[in-house]
C-alpha atoms as a PDB file:
ATOM      1  CA  MET A   1       3.973  -3.407  -8.081  1.00  0.00           C
ATOM      2  CA  SER A   2       5.730  -5.788 -10.689  1.00  0.00           C
ATOM      3  CA  ASN A   3       3.633  -8.867 -10.848  1.00  0.00           C
ATOM      4  CA  THR A   4       0.364  -9.128  -8.915  1.00  0.00           C
ATOM      5  CA  LYS A   5       0.108 -12.646  -9.205  1.00  0.00           C
ATOM      6  CA  HIS A   6       3.587 -13.173  -7.339  1.00  0.00           C
ATOM      7  CA  SER A   7       2.778 -11.076  -4.375  1.00  0.00           C
ATOM      8  CA  GLU A   8      -0.867 -12.511  -4.004  1.00  0.00           C
ATOM      9  CA  TRP A   9      -1.513 -14.235  -0.707  1.00  0.00           C
ATOM     10  CA  LEU A  10      -4.547 -16.224  -0.117  1.00  0.00           C
ATOM     11  CA  SER A  11      -6.377 -17.288   2.815  1.00  0.00           C
ATOM     12  CA  LEU A  12      -7.076 -20.931   3.534  1.00  0.00           C
ATOM     13  CA  LYS A  13     -10.527 -20.420   2.555  1.00  0.00           C
ATOM     14  CA  ASP A  14      -9.591 -19.127  -0.807  1.00  0.00           C
ATOM     15  CA  VAL A  15      -7.318 -22.077  -1.296  1.00  0.00           C
ATOM     16  CA  GLN A  16     -10.190 -24.460  -0.428  1.00  0.00           C
ATOM     17  CA  GLN A  17     -12.284 -22.948  -2.964  1.00  0.00           C
ATOM     18  CA  LEU A  18      -9.611 -22.756  -5.703  1.00  0.00           C
ATOM     19  CA  VAL A  19      -8.483 -26.417  -5.120  1.00  0.00           C
ATOM     20  CA  GLY A  20     -11.946 -27.941  -4.593  1.00  0.00           C
ATOM     21  CA  ILE A  21     -10.926 -29.487  -1.204  1.00  0.00           C
ATOM     22  CA  GLY A  22     -12.286 -29.323   2.483  1.00  0.00           C
ATOM     23  CA  ARG A  23     -11.093 -27.273   5.466  1.00  0.00           C
ATOM     24  CA  THR A  24      -9.873 -30.233   7.133  1.00  0.00           C
ATOM     25  CA  LYS A  25      -7.575 -31.393   4.396  1.00  0.00           C
ATOM     26  CA  THR A  26      -6.300 -27.783   3.801  1.00  0.00           C
ATOM     27  CA  TYR A  27      -5.195 -27.499   7.276  1.00  0.00           C
ATOM     28  CA  GLU A  28      -3.826 -30.800   7.276  1.00  0.00           C
ATOM     29  CA  LEU A  29      -1.631 -30.015   4.130  1.00  0.00           C
ATOM     30  CA  VAL A  30      -0.420 -26.837   5.711  1.00  0.00           C
ATOM     31  CA  THR A  31       0.443 -28.254   9.306  1.00  0.00           C
ATOM     32  CA  THR A  32       2.126 -31.244   7.779  1.00  0.00           C
ATOM     33  CA  GLY A  33       4.386 -28.707   5.470  1.00  0.00           C
ATOM     34  CA  GLU A  34       3.464 -30.243   2.213  1.00  0.00           C
ATOM     35  CA  LEU A  35       1.645 -26.823   1.159  1.00  0.00           C
ATOM     36  CA  PRO A  36       4.091 -23.773   1.790  1.00  0.00           C
ATOM     37  CA  ALA A  37       2.138 -21.311   4.027  1.00  0.00           C
ATOM     38  CA  VAL A  38       3.012 -18.657   6.351  1.00  0.00           C
ATOM     39  CA  ARG A  39       1.484 -17.067   9.628  1.00  0.00           C
ATOM     40  CA  VAL A  40       0.745 -13.696  10.137  1.00  0.00           C
ATOM     41  CA  GLY A  41      -0.759 -13.076  13.569  1.00  0.00           C
ATOM     42  CA  ARG A  42      -3.402 -15.413  13.717  1.00  0.00           C
ATOM     43  CA  CYS A  43      -4.120 -15.676   9.857  1.00  0.00           C
ATOM     44  CA  ILE A  44      -2.447 -18.368   7.650  1.00  0.00           C
ATOM     45  CA  ARG A  45      -1.471 -17.378   4.129  1.00  0.00           C
ATOM     46  CA  VAL A  46      -0.457 -19.151   0.907  1.00  0.00           C
ATOM     47  CA  ASN A  47       1.175 -17.304  -1.841  1.00  0.00           C
ATOM     48  CA  ARG A  48      -0.535 -17.769  -5.117  1.00  0.00           C
ATOM     49  CA  GLN A  49       2.378 -18.795  -7.103  1.00  0.00           C
ATOM     50  CA  GLU A  50       3.617 -21.277  -4.739  1.00  0.00           C
ATOM     51  CA  LEU A  51       0.188 -22.695  -4.643  1.00  0.00           C
ATOM     52  CA  ASP A  52       0.263 -22.935  -8.490  1.00  0.00           C
ATOM     53  CA  GLU A  53       3.780 -24.574  -8.337  1.00  0.00           C
ATOM     54  CA  TRP A  54       2.592 -27.377  -5.818  1.00  0.00           C
ATOM     55  CA  LEU A  55      -0.448 -27.977  -7.871  1.00  0.00           C
ATOM     56  CA  ARG A  56       1.780 -28.505 -10.798  1.00  0.00           C
ATOM     57  CA  ALA A  57       3.848 -30.999  -8.712  1.00  0.00           C
ATOM     58  CA  GLN A  58       0.868 -32.781  -7.797  1.00  0.00           C
ATOM     59  CA  ARG A  59      -0.233 -33.719 -11.377  1.00  0.00           C
ATOM     60  CA  TYR A  60      -1.188 -37.280 -12.055  1.00  0.00           C
ATOM     61  CA  ALA A  61       0.559 -39.149 -14.555  1.00  0.00           C
ATOM     62  CA  ASP A  62      -0.442 -42.630 -15.978  1.00  0.00           C
ATOM     63  CA  TRP A  63       2.029 -45.630 -15.877  1.00  0.00           C
ATOM     64  CA  THR A  64       3.808 -44.273 -19.085  1.00  0.00           C
ATOM     65  CA  GLY A  65       4.543 -40.910 -17.436  1.00  0.00           C
ATOM     66  CA  HIS A  66       2.062 -38.908 -19.658  1.00  0.00           C
ATOM     67  CA  ASP A  67      -0.046 -36.483 -18.000  1.00  0.00           C
ATOM     68  CA  VAL A  68      -3.739 -37.671 -17.878  1.00  0.00           C
ATOM     69  CA  LEU A  69      -5.196 -34.436 -17.101  1.00  0.00           C
END
């Protein structure tokens, strides 16, 4: 396998724990399409690389445009 991180698929429970958000918010982000996810049967999975990219896009910047985190 080339890079495990690129092919790692997370459950929504994994996403909740990694990001520190609740079940309802996680499902809301997925159902609105804000957080990219795929459905495999009854399971919803989020690609780890796409989650990392989504998190980077959510970075909070102060009014000067500089990252504050």
